[in-house]
Structures are given as C-alpha cells and as structure tokens.
Protein backbone atom coordinates (compact mmCIF):
# COMPACT_ATOMS: atom_id res chain seq x y z
CA MET A 1 -46.52 -66.55 -68.01
CA LEU A 2 -45.22 -68.53 -70.99
CA ARG A 3 -43.44 -66.30 -73.50
CA ARG A 4 -43.57 -67.95 -76.89
CA ALA A 5 -40.25 -66.31 -77.89
CA LEU A 6 -38.54 -68.83 -75.68
CA PRO A 7 -39.78 -72.38 -76.75
CA ILE A 8 -38.32 -75.52 -75.14
CA VAL A 9 -36.83 -76.79 -78.36
CA ALA A 10 -37.29 -76.20 -82.06
CA LEU A 11 -40.91 -77.16 -82.82
CA LEU A 12 -42.19 -79.44 -85.51
CA VAL A 13 -44.81 -77.82 -87.73
CA LEU A 14 -48.26 -79.33 -87.39
CA VAL A 15 -50.41 -79.23 -90.44
CA PRO A 16 -54.12 -79.70 -89.69
CA THR A 17 -56.21 -81.81 -91.97
CA ALA A 18 -59.77 -81.14 -93.08
CA SER A 19 -60.76 -84.76 -92.37
CA ALA A 20 -60.96 -84.38 -88.57
CA MET A 21 -64.68 -84.12 -87.75
CA LEU A 22 -65.45 -83.11 -84.17
CA GLY A 23 -68.49 -84.46 -82.56
CA PRO A 24 -70.51 -83.24 -79.63
CA GLU A 25 -68.23 -85.03 -77.24
CA LEU A 26 -65.46 -82.56 -77.96
CA SER A 27 -66.65 -79.56 -76.01
CA ALA A 28 -65.38 -80.06 -72.40
CA ARG A 29 -61.92 -80.10 -70.77
CA PHE A 30 -59.28 -82.58 -69.80
CA GLY A 31 -58.94 -83.47 -66.11
CA PRO A 32 -61.16 -84.58 -63.26
CA ALA A 33 -64.61 -85.74 -64.19
CA GLY A 34 -67.59 -83.44 -64.23
CA PRO A 35 -71.33 -84.22 -64.28
CA ALA A 36 -72.45 -87.42 -66.08
CA SER A 37 -74.20 -85.40 -68.68
CA ALA A 38 -71.14 -83.29 -69.57
CA ALA A 39 -69.70 -83.98 -73.07
CA PRO A 40 -65.85 -84.44 -72.96
CA SER A 41 -63.36 -83.06 -75.48
CA VAL A 42 -60.39 -84.93 -76.83
CA ALA A 43 -58.71 -83.91 -73.68
CA ALA A 44 -61.82 -83.80 -71.48
CA GLY A 45 -62.83 -83.24 -67.91
CA SER A 46 -62.66 -80.45 -65.45
CA ALA A 47 -61.72 -80.02 -61.87
CA ALA A 48 -64.38 -77.27 -61.86
CA SER A 49 -67.01 -79.90 -61.34
CA PRO A 50 -67.28 -82.23 -58.33
CA ALA A 51 -68.08 -85.86 -58.93
CA ALA A 52 -71.74 -86.71 -59.36
CA GLY A 53 -73.50 -87.00 -56.05
CA ALA A 54 -70.52 -85.52 -54.20
CA SER A 55 -70.34 -82.40 -52.17
CA PRO A 56 -67.28 -80.07 -52.15
CA ARG A 57 -65.65 -79.50 -48.83
CA ALA A 58 -62.37 -78.37 -47.33
CA ALA A 59 -59.69 -81.06 -47.32
CA PRO A 60 -59.41 -82.80 -43.89
CA SER A 61 -56.07 -82.19 -42.21
CA ALA A 62 -53.47 -84.97 -42.36
CA SER A 63 -53.14 -84.69 -38.62
CA ALA A 64 -56.41 -86.52 -38.27
CA SER A 65 -55.33 -90.17 -38.14
CA PRO A 66 -56.92 -92.42 -40.73
CA ARG A 67 -58.43 -95.60 -39.21
CA PRO A 68 -57.79 -98.56 -41.44
CA SER A 69 -56.47 -101.46 -39.29
CA GLY A 70 -53.00 -102.75 -39.77
CA PRO A 71 -50.15 -100.86 -41.55
CA VAL A 72 -51.36 -98.41 -44.29
CA GLY A 73 -49.92 -98.94 -47.60
CA VAL A 74 -49.80 -101.48 -50.46
CA GLN A 75 -50.54 -105.02 -49.21
CA ALA A 76 -51.44 -108.28 -50.89
CA PRO A 77 -55.17 -108.79 -50.76
CA ARG A 78 -56.57 -110.51 -47.69
CA VAL A 79 -59.08 -113.30 -47.94
CA VAL A 80 -61.83 -113.03 -45.37
CA HIS A 81 -64.14 -116.04 -44.94
CA ASP A 82 -67.29 -114.41 -43.55
CA PRO A 83 -70.85 -115.05 -44.67
CA ALA A 84 -71.91 -111.47 -44.17
CA ARG A 85 -68.92 -110.28 -46.18
CA ALA A 86 -69.71 -112.76 -48.83
CA ALA A 87 -73.26 -111.40 -49.17
CA VAL A 88 -71.82 -107.87 -49.40
CA ARG A 89 -69.55 -108.96 -52.21
CA LEU A 90 -72.35 -110.59 -54.08
CA ALA A 91 -74.42 -107.41 -53.74
CA LEU A 92 -71.45 -105.32 -55.09
CA LYS A 93 -71.19 -107.43 -58.17
CA VAL A 94 -74.96 -107.40 -58.88
CA ARG A 95 -75.05 -103.59 -58.49
CA LEU A 96 -71.95 -103.12 -60.70
CA ASP A 97 -73.45 -105.24 -63.44
CA GLY A 98 -76.68 -103.36 -63.22
CA ILE A 99 -75.03 -99.90 -63.54
CA GLN A 100 -72.83 -101.04 -66.34
CA ALA A 101 -75.82 -102.28 -68.31
CA LYS A 102 -77.99 -99.33 -67.52
CA TYR A 103 -75.51 -96.72 -68.74
CA GLY A 104 -74.06 -98.76 -71.67
CA ILE A 105 -70.49 -98.53 -70.28
CA PRO A 106 -68.22 -100.74 -72.55
CA GLY A 107 -66.00 -101.87 -69.73
CA VAL A 108 -65.42 -101.08 -66.03
CA SER A 109 -62.96 -102.18 -63.38
CA VAL A 110 -63.50 -101.50 -59.69
CA THR A 111 -61.44 -102.16 -56.58
CA ILE A 112 -62.65 -101.51 -53.01
CA ILE A 113 -60.28 -101.83 -50.18
CA PHE A 114 -61.89 -102.33 -46.79
CA PRO A 115 -60.53 -100.88 -43.55
CA ASP A 116 -58.98 -104.20 -42.56
CA GLY A 117 -56.98 -104.35 -45.89
CA SER A 118 -59.08 -106.97 -47.57
CA GLN A 119 -60.15 -106.16 -51.16
CA TRP A 120 -63.05 -106.61 -53.44
CA PHE A 121 -62.47 -106.62 -57.21
CA GLY A 122 -65.33 -106.28 -59.66
CA ALA A 123 -65.32 -106.08 -63.47
CA ALA A 124 -68.12 -105.78 -66.01
CA GLY A 125 -68.16 -105.43 -69.80
CA LEU A 126 -65.49 -105.57 -72.38
CA ALA A 127 -61.92 -104.19 -72.67
CA ASP A 128 -62.05 -104.57 -76.48
CA VAL A 129 -65.57 -104.54 -77.83
CA GLY A 130 -64.63 -105.58 -81.32
CA ALA A 131 -62.68 -108.65 -80.23
CA GLY A 132 -65.04 -109.49 -77.38
CA VAL A 133 -62.26 -109.29 -74.78
CA PRO A 134 -63.71 -109.00 -71.17
CA VAL A 135 -62.36 -106.71 -68.55
CA THR A 136 -60.28 -108.85 -66.02
CA ARG A 137 -58.26 -108.09 -62.90
CA ASP A 138 -55.19 -107.58 -65.11
CA THR A 139 -56.79 -105.03 -67.46
CA ALA A 140 -55.15 -101.58 -67.26
CA PHE A 141 -57.12 -98.44 -68.08
CA ALA A 142 -56.02 -94.95 -69.03
CA VAL A 143 -56.45 -92.97 -65.69
CA ALA A 144 -56.25 -89.54 -67.18
CA SER A 145 -55.89 -86.92 -64.43
CA ILE A 146 -55.42 -89.34 -61.61
CA SER A 147 -51.86 -89.23 -63.04
CA LYS A 148 -51.66 -85.82 -61.34
CA THR A 149 -51.50 -87.52 -58.01
CA PHE A 150 -48.27 -89.29 -59.02
CA THR A 151 -46.70 -86.20 -60.48
CA SER A 152 -47.59 -84.18 -57.39
CA ALA A 153 -46.28 -86.81 -55.07
CA LEU A 154 -43.02 -86.95 -57.08
CA VAL A 155 -42.44 -83.14 -56.84
CA LEU A 156 -43.19 -83.23 -53.11
CA ALA A 157 -40.77 -86.01 -52.71
CA LEU A 158 -38.16 -83.76 -54.38
CA VAL A 159 -39.24 -81.06 -51.93
CA GLU A 160 -38.45 -83.58 -49.14
CA ASP A 161 -35.12 -84.23 -50.64
CA GLY A 162 -34.23 -80.58 -50.64
CA SER A 163 -34.05 -80.48 -54.39
CA VAL A 164 -37.12 -78.31 -54.87
CA ARG A 165 -38.63 -75.37 -52.96
CA LEU A 166 -42.35 -74.89 -53.05
CA GLU A 167 -42.10 -71.10 -52.97
CA ALA A 168 -39.29 -70.92 -55.45
CA PRO A 169 -40.13 -69.56 -58.96
CA ALA A 170 -40.79 -72.43 -61.35
CA ALA A 171 -38.42 -70.71 -63.65
CA THR A 172 -35.64 -71.46 -61.33
CA TYR A 173 -35.83 -75.09 -62.36
CA LEU A 174 -37.06 -74.39 -66.03
CA PRO A 175 -35.06 -71.31 -67.05
CA ASP A 176 -35.46 -71.91 -70.79
CA LEU A 177 -39.28 -71.70 -70.93
CA GLY A 178 -39.86 -68.02 -70.46
CA LEU A 179 -42.07 -68.53 -67.42
CA ASP A 180 -43.14 -65.49 -65.37
CA SER A 181 -40.95 -65.39 -62.41
CA ALA A 182 -43.90 -64.86 -60.17
CA VAL A 183 -45.17 -68.43 -60.88
CA THR A 184 -43.97 -70.60 -58.07
CA VAL A 185 -43.89 -74.36 -57.84
CA ARG A 186 -46.77 -74.27 -55.36
CA HIS A 187 -48.81 -72.25 -57.92
CA LEU A 188 -48.36 -75.04 -60.39
CA LEU A 189 -49.33 -77.72 -57.88
CA ASP A 190 -52.58 -76.14 -56.70
CA HIS A 191 -53.63 -74.48 -59.93
CA THR A 192 -53.15 -70.94 -58.78
CA SER A 193 -50.57 -70.08 -61.51
CA GLY A 194 -53.02 -68.51 -63.90
CA LEU A 195 -51.39 -70.35 -66.75
CA ARG A 196 -54.05 -71.16 -69.39
CA ASP A 197 -54.88 -74.76 -70.16
CA TYR A 198 -53.38 -75.63 -73.55
CA PHE A 199 -56.17 -78.20 -74.04
CA PHE A 200 -58.56 -75.20 -74.27
CA HIS A 201 -56.95 -73.96 -77.45
CA ARG A 202 -59.50 -73.81 -80.19
CA ASP A 203 -57.33 -75.86 -82.61
CA ILE A 204 -55.99 -78.58 -80.50
CA ASP A 205 -58.89 -81.04 -80.69
CA ARG A 206 -58.81 -81.00 -84.42
CA LEU A 207 -55.03 -81.56 -84.46
CA LEU A 208 -55.07 -84.40 -82.00
CA LEU A 209 -57.90 -86.24 -83.74
CA ALA A 210 -56.48 -85.66 -87.20
CA HIS A 211 -53.50 -87.86 -86.40
CA PRO A 212 -54.43 -89.95 -83.29
CA ASP A 213 -51.38 -92.25 -83.50
CA ARG A 214 -48.95 -89.39 -83.65
CA ARG A 215 -46.86 -88.76 -80.46
CA TRP A 216 -46.66 -85.17 -79.23
CA THR A 217 -43.89 -83.54 -77.38
CA ALA A 218 -44.13 -81.10 -74.44
CA SER A 219 -42.76 -78.31 -76.61
CA GLU A 220 -45.48 -78.80 -79.15
CA ALA A 221 -48.15 -78.89 -76.51
CA LEU A 222 -46.92 -75.74 -74.87
CA GLN A 223 -47.29 -73.80 -78.11
CA TYR A 224 -51.06 -73.85 -77.48
CA VAL A 225 -50.92 -72.07 -74.14
CA GLY A 226 -52.78 -68.83 -74.57
CA LYS A 227 -53.25 -65.62 -72.55
CA PRO A 228 -53.16 -66.19 -68.76
CA TYR A 229 -56.43 -66.42 -66.77
CA PHE A 230 -55.04 -64.14 -64.09
CA LYS A 231 -51.80 -63.05 -62.40
CA PRO A 232 -50.05 -65.75 -60.39
CA GLY A 233 -51.53 -66.34 -56.99
CA ARG A 234 -54.60 -64.19 -57.72
CA GLY A 235 -57.13 -66.93 -58.50
CA TRP A 236 -57.74 -70.73 -59.14
CA HIS A 237 -58.25 -72.30 -62.41
CA TYR A 238 -57.66 -75.97 -63.30
CA SER A 239 -55.00 -76.14 -65.99
CA ASN A 240 -53.23 -79.11 -67.43
CA THR A 241 -50.34 -76.77 -68.31
CA ASN A 242 -49.41 -76.74 -64.68
CA TYR A 243 -48.82 -80.52 -64.52
CA LEU A 244 -47.22 -80.73 -67.87
CA LEU A 245 -44.69 -78.22 -66.52
CA LEU A 246 -44.35 -80.12 -63.30
CA GLY A 247 -43.43 -83.26 -65.16
CA LEU A 248 -40.74 -81.34 -66.99
CA LEU A 249 -39.51 -79.84 -63.70
CA ALA A 250 -39.26 -83.27 -62.11
CA GLU A 251 -37.24 -84.52 -65.03
CA ARG A 252 -34.86 -81.54 -64.94
CA VAL A 253 -34.34 -81.67 -61.19
CA GLY A 254 -34.37 -85.47 -60.76
CA GLY A 255 -31.98 -85.98 -63.70
CA ALA A 256 -34.02 -88.75 -65.21
CA PRO A 257 -37.14 -89.33 -67.37
CA LEU A 258 -40.40 -88.94 -65.50
CA ALA A 259 -41.26 -92.68 -66.02
CA ASP A 260 -37.97 -93.79 -64.51
CA GLN A 261 -38.46 -91.68 -61.41
CA LEU A 262 -42.05 -92.85 -60.97
CA ARG A 263 -40.86 -96.48 -61.17
CA ALA A 264 -38.04 -95.94 -58.75
CA ARG A 265 -40.01 -93.88 -56.25
CA PHE A 266 -43.46 -95.48 -56.39
CA PHE A 267 -44.35 -98.20 -58.80
CA GLY A 268 -41.52 -100.52 -57.79
CA PRO A 269 -41.38 -100.04 -54.03
CA LEU A 270 -45.11 -100.14 -53.67
CA GLY A 271 -45.55 -103.18 -55.96
CA LEU A 272 -47.69 -101.31 -58.48
CA ASP A 273 -46.86 -103.80 -61.26
CA GLY A 274 -49.93 -102.91 -63.31
CA THR A 275 -49.13 -99.14 -63.49
CA PHE A 276 -47.05 -97.59 -66.22
CA TYR A 277 -46.43 -94.27 -67.95
CA GLN A 278 -47.90 -94.63 -71.41
CA PRO A 279 -45.86 -91.94 -73.32
CA THR A 280 -42.60 -93.85 -72.88
CA ASP A 281 -43.20 -97.20 -71.15
CA GLU A 282 -44.16 -100.54 -72.70
CA PRO A 283 -47.51 -101.74 -71.35
CA THR A 284 -47.11 -104.12 -68.35
CA ARG A 285 -50.76 -105.21 -68.64
CA PRO A 286 -53.26 -105.39 -71.56
CA VAL A 287 -54.91 -101.92 -71.87
CA ALA A 288 -58.59 -101.42 -72.37
CA HIS A 289 -59.48 -99.70 -75.64
CA GLY A 290 -61.09 -96.27 -75.30
CA TYR A 291 -64.47 -95.64 -76.77
CA ARG A 292 -66.56 -92.56 -77.68
CA PHE A 293 -70.21 -92.49 -78.72
CA GLY A 294 -72.02 -90.72 -81.55
CA THR A 295 -75.26 -89.02 -81.22
CA GLY A 296 -78.51 -90.80 -80.23
CA ALA A 297 -79.41 -92.95 -77.23
CA ASP A 298 -78.63 -96.19 -79.07
CA ALA A 299 -75.31 -95.02 -80.56
CA ARG A 300 -72.74 -97.78 -80.71
CA PRO A 301 -69.30 -97.32 -79.07
CA LEU A 302 -66.67 -96.12 -81.49
CA ASP A 303 -63.09 -97.54 -80.89
CA LEU A 304 -60.51 -94.80 -80.46
CA THR A 305 -57.57 -97.07 -79.81
CA GLY A 306 -57.72 -99.37 -82.82
CA ASP A 307 -54.42 -101.14 -83.26
CA GLY A 308 -52.52 -98.69 -81.11
CA SER A 309 -50.76 -99.58 -77.92
CA ILE A 310 -51.70 -96.36 -76.17
CA ALA A 311 -55.24 -95.87 -74.80
CA PRO A 312 -57.41 -94.07 -75.51
CA PHE A 313 -55.11 -92.88 -78.30
CA ALA A 314 -51.47 -91.71 -78.59
CA SER A 315 -51.84 -88.07 -79.53
CA VAL A 316 -53.87 -87.04 -76.52
CA VAL A 317 -51.95 -89.13 -73.99
CA THR A 318 -48.48 -87.97 -75.14
CA ALA A 319 -49.84 -84.34 -75.22
CA ALA A 320 -51.08 -84.86 -71.58
CA ALA A 321 -47.76 -86.25 -70.39
CA GLY A 322 -47.29 -85.58 -66.65
CA ALA A 323 -50.89 -84.26 -66.52
CA GLY A 324 -52.51 -87.50 -67.68
CA GLY A 325 -50.14 -90.03 -69.12
CA ILE A 326 -50.50 -93.02 -66.73
CA ALA A 327 -52.45 -96.30 -67.21
CA ALA A 328 -53.01 -98.70 -64.40
CA THR A 329 -55.33 -101.45 -62.93
CA SER A 330 -58.00 -100.49 -60.51
CA SER A 331 -56.31 -102.49 -57.82
CA ASP A 332 -53.10 -100.49 -58.22
CA ILE A 333 -54.89 -97.18 -58.15
CA ALA A 334 -56.86 -98.18 -55.03
CA ARG A 335 -53.70 -99.36 -53.37
CA TRP A 336 -51.82 -96.15 -54.45
CA ALA A 337 -54.52 -93.87 -52.96
CA ARG A 338 -54.52 -95.79 -49.70
CA ALA A 339 -50.72 -95.66 -49.43
CA LEU A 340 -50.51 -91.92 -50.41
CA TYR A 341 -53.29 -90.54 -48.27
CA GLY A 342 -52.81 -92.94 -45.48
CA GLY A 343 -49.24 -91.90 -44.83
CA GLY A 344 -47.29 -94.61 -46.61
CA VAL A 345 -45.63 -92.46 -49.28
CA LEU A 346 -44.73 -89.02 -48.02
CA ALA A 347 -43.48 -87.83 -44.62
CA PRO A 348 -46.35 -86.71 -42.24
CA ALA A 349 -45.44 -83.03 -42.58
CA THR A 350 -45.40 -83.24 -46.35
CA LEU A 351 -48.74 -85.02 -46.51
CA ARG A 352 -50.17 -82.38 -44.12
CA MET A 353 -48.90 -79.69 -46.45
CA MET A 354 -50.48 -81.39 -49.45
CA LEU A 355 -53.90 -81.51 -47.86
CA ASP A 356 -53.87 -78.31 -45.95
CA ASP A 357 -53.08 -76.37 -49.08
CA ALA A 358 -56.77 -76.59 -49.86
CA ALA A 359 -57.34 -73.94 -47.11
CA ARG A 360 -55.08 -71.61 -49.22
CA THR A 361 -57.10 -72.08 -52.35
CA GLU A 362 -60.47 -71.93 -50.66
CA ARG A 363 -60.56 -68.09 -50.86
CA PHE A 364 -60.69 -68.49 -54.71
CA ARG A 365 -63.81 -70.62 -54.36
CA PRO A 366 -62.72 -73.54 -56.51
CA THR A 367 -65.74 -75.69 -57.37
CA VAL A 368 -63.76 -78.72 -56.02
CA PRO A 369 -61.61 -78.01 -53.00
CA TYR A 370 -58.04 -78.54 -54.26
CA GLY A 371 -54.70 -78.81 -52.38
CA LEU A 372 -51.35 -79.87 -53.82
CA GLY A 373 -52.64 -82.34 -56.46
CA VAL A 374 -55.57 -83.63 -54.43
CA GLN A 375 -59.29 -83.08 -54.34
CA SER A 376 -61.58 -83.21 -51.37
CA VAL A 377 -65.26 -83.94 -51.76
CA ASP A 378 -67.93 -85.65 -49.66
CA VAL A 379 -69.01 -89.05 -50.90
CA ALA A 380 -71.42 -91.37 -49.06
CA GLY A 381 -71.57 -88.95 -46.17
CA GLU A 382 -67.82 -88.86 -45.61
CA SER A 383 -65.00 -86.55 -46.67
CA THR A 384 -62.69 -88.14 -49.21
CA LEU A 385 -59.28 -87.53 -50.70
CA GLY A 386 -58.41 -88.48 -54.25
CA HIS A 387 -58.68 -87.32 -57.84
CA SER A 388 -60.82 -88.03 -60.91
CA GLY A 389 -59.96 -87.83 -64.56
CA ARG A 390 -61.29 -87.79 -68.09
CA LEU A 391 -59.96 -88.10 -71.59
CA LEU A 392 -62.07 -88.71 -74.63
CA GLY A 393 -62.62 -92.48 -74.33
CA SER A 394 -61.52 -92.78 -70.68
CA ARG A 395 -62.94 -91.74 -67.34
CA ALA A 396 -61.90 -92.69 -63.75
CA VAL A 397 -62.09 -91.79 -60.10
CA VAL A 398 -60.41 -92.81 -56.90
CA ARG A 399 -61.41 -91.83 -53.36
CA TYR A 400 -59.82 -92.57 -49.95
CA LEU A 401 -62.08 -92.12 -46.91
CA PRO A 402 -59.84 -91.21 -44.06
CA ASP A 403 -62.45 -91.39 -41.26
CA SER A 404 -63.55 -94.96 -42.10
CA GLY A 405 -60.50 -96.30 -43.98
CA PHE A 406 -62.38 -97.42 -47.17
CA THR A 407 -60.79 -96.82 -50.60
CA VAL A 408 -62.59 -97.17 -53.96
CA ALA A 409 -61.17 -96.91 -57.49
CA VAL A 410 -63.40 -96.99 -60.60
CA LEU A 411 -61.87 -97.10 -64.05
CA THR A 412 -63.83 -97.08 -67.24
CA ASN A 413 -63.07 -97.07 -71.05
CA GLN A 414 -65.56 -94.33 -71.96
CA SER A 415 -66.10 -90.62 -71.25
CA ARG A 416 -69.91 -89.97 -71.24
CA THR A 417 -70.86 -91.48 -67.77
CA ASP A 418 -69.48 -90.24 -64.55
CA PRO A 419 -67.71 -93.19 -62.65
CA ALA A 420 -68.61 -91.40 -59.47
CA ILE A 421 -72.06 -92.88 -59.92
CA ILE A 422 -70.54 -96.33 -59.52
CA ALA A 423 -68.26 -95.35 -56.64
CA ARG A 424 -71.09 -93.87 -54.64
CA ALA A 425 -73.51 -96.84 -55.18
CA LEU A 426 -70.81 -99.39 -54.32
CA LEU A 427 -69.62 -97.61 -51.26
CA ARG A 428 -73.20 -97.51 -49.94
CA ILE A 429 -73.12 -101.29 -49.99
CA ALA A 430 -69.54 -101.80 -48.78
CA MET A 431 -69.90 -99.40 -45.85
CA ALA A 432 -73.18 -100.69 -44.46
CA PRO A 433 -73.05 -102.80 -41.33
CA ALA A 434 -73.71 -106.42 -41.97
CA ARG A 435 -77.12 -106.31 -40.41
CA ASP A 436 -78.04 -103.25 -42.62
CA CYS A 437 -76.38 -104.58 -45.80
CA PRO A 438 -78.71 -103.60 -48.75
CA CYS A 439 -77.97 -107.02 -50.29
CA LEU A 440 -81.50 -107.32 -51.69
CA ASP A 441 -81.63 -103.65 -52.82
CA VAL A 442 -79.79 -104.06 -56.14
CA GLY A 443 -81.97 -102.06 -58.49
CA ARG A 444 -79.98 -100.85 -61.46
CA GLY A 445 -78.23 -97.48 -61.17
CA ARG A 446 -79.60 -96.63 -57.66
C-alpha cells in the first residue's frame, strides 16, 4: 500500500483552523451519487450506492451491439420536425421544471440523445443564485466522479498504445510512491486495490473547508491515505485514491499533464468544447456555482464558489484531481458517454475489457456493479453504462442505454438531491412510443 516514508515530493504543512464548522452535509463520501437522502461530505458520494430507482446488475458485454442509428459518436444535434416529438419535448421540459421546483434544486442542466442522434436540452433554475444568472446550454458544471470515465479511458488508451500493462504493478510506473508491488493497474481501475480513500480521513473535510480557495497537490492529498481496506485483489471498495494515482500514472507514462492528454485524446477530437480540467485549465464556459444547504426544510442555498473560478470550490476539486476534476456541459457529457460506450473512443476489444471486468468484481459483491471505470445499473427497465458523481455543492449522473440507444446526462449544482430522480423521470417520457407518450402526466417529481 502507500508507505508514507516515500512521499511524492516534499510536502507543505497544512495548519487547520478552528473556524471550519462542519454541518450535517459533511458525512458521506466523494464519488458516485447515493440515495437522495444521503448527506454528502466535502468530497462526497459513494459508488457503494446505486442511483435512486436503479437496480444493480452485471455490465452488459460490449459484444452486444448498441442500436443507435447512424454512426455512434459525437455529432452535431439534429433537428427533427415531428409533432409527436415536439409533444415529448414539451413534456420533458414541464417535468424537469416540476422536479427542480419540488426539490429546490438551484440549477440543473439535462441533455438527452435519442437513438437517431437528435438531442433534447433542458435547463431549469440558476447557475448563480446571488446574481440571478440562469442555467443555459453553455453552462458548465463540476461533474465530480464522472471524471473517472475520462481518466479510465485515457489509461486504457495507453494500454492500447502498449505503454501500460493492466496486470503490471502500478509501482512500475510510479516507483517513487512506495506502492505495494501487488497493486496492479487493473486493481486501481476497478477499485480492488484495497487502498483507503483519502477523502475518508477524519481531518480532511475540516482542512478543505478551512481554506476553500487553496489549491492542493496530489502529494498533499496522498498524505491522508490510511490503513488499507484489504490486501490487493481480495475485495472491492470504492476509493478516490485509485484514480488520483491513475491520473499521476497517465502523466508519468504519457509525458504530459493530464489536462493536455485529455484535450489531445478526447476533448479536441470529439469536439467537447465545453469540457475542461478545472485544476489546471482556464474555463471554456461559465461554470455554475456550487451550493450546500443548512438544516431545515426551508434552508436557503449557501454559495460555496463565491468569487472563485473553480466549482464547487478549489480545495476539493484540486484534491480530487484525476478522480473528480472535470467540469463540462450536459451536452458534452451525454455525447462523451454515447461515444465512449457506443464504440467511438476505444477499440472494440478494449471496450469489451472495460465492461466485462464487472464480472471479475462481481464476486466481491459491490453495491454497484463496476468494471474499469464504469458502473452498470438498471434504469427505466434497461441496463445502462455510465457513472455518477458527487462533491459538496455538485451532483451529476450520465447513463447510456446500449439496448435502445438513448443517453441522458443530468448535471446539478447541489448535493442533497440525487439527479437519478430526474434521469429516470425524463427517460420514461423520452422512451415512450408516440402513442403512449405521457405528455399529460407531468405531476411534479413523479
């Protein structure tokens, strides 16, 4: 595991302040979203919980051909002039507005890609509550652990290049970190390394909140990795430490900063102009402020971002790094998922390896079936591929449905309500045949 006698670089001393007051939202983990009632920590969320209303299941094999019409990948939105489709789009907007109002979500952005490649975009609420700035198509949100899908894809691309071996010890590529030689690259990707999540350390919430505008380094974050959960390959436990290390590994092997490689491999070629790596990139789109809530049903949203340029706030995003540092528009995230899981990013054999790894982790009974950086849960009666994420002040989910070819991405600037509620409700409308469209069934939150 990590031996503290061999730090990455000389560490800065962090001095905690007594002014950091932790509220009830600071008790859960960073990563994929859990139940709507769960209270997130500064680095919140957990892959141990499936999305609300979703059922865990084994990941479908990549050999089963997805069925969206036309080439799978990132395409310009298509305009479809169809009265039935127009009714569906109206119903989607009414439902989204109702859910946003019911749950008091400050702002939400949703993109649905239909099997034919056409898109629906919906927004509700505010990106900046104090200034009254509405969410628009160009608003980017912190996507938290959805970032892991990019980091995983980058490492697997390096595997395709022959630069990385999945079964090689991670210490082969990161020799100065004191990693247990039994921890392989695969163990990091599918959370079977046993490495403890540094965001679970009892002191880290206080330190992150004490200086929210401070930028953390990976070496500082790794000082909070505690005793291993288990020996490598002997269990499954979601841990952001794995993906922080994978980001460092990609930088070491690829010979360039993580942001540069992500732009060169994915953002640029796929036209993801609204996606950027917050720890080092300048924003390419206005970013929604992140909000937390105090106690009480009528508590007002508290702005975590303030005058900062990183959402929800700099300390947690920079500490997350390769595990959760990306911000993007909902359109970009939906297009990314469709391209990645539809076969437009990795070679077929690599994609199959990504998905089929869930069968390897199944024996450890993870609450969410997990492959190489991918979750598989049932939503709206279909198996899906994707990821969810949560930071204090940010919560998001993306799901690609390989059987029907639908994709949905839901991004929010809060962390108390599970966005899977929105994804499930909107998919029910989008996937209904025209004659069965529940266009008049638009009760809030249903």
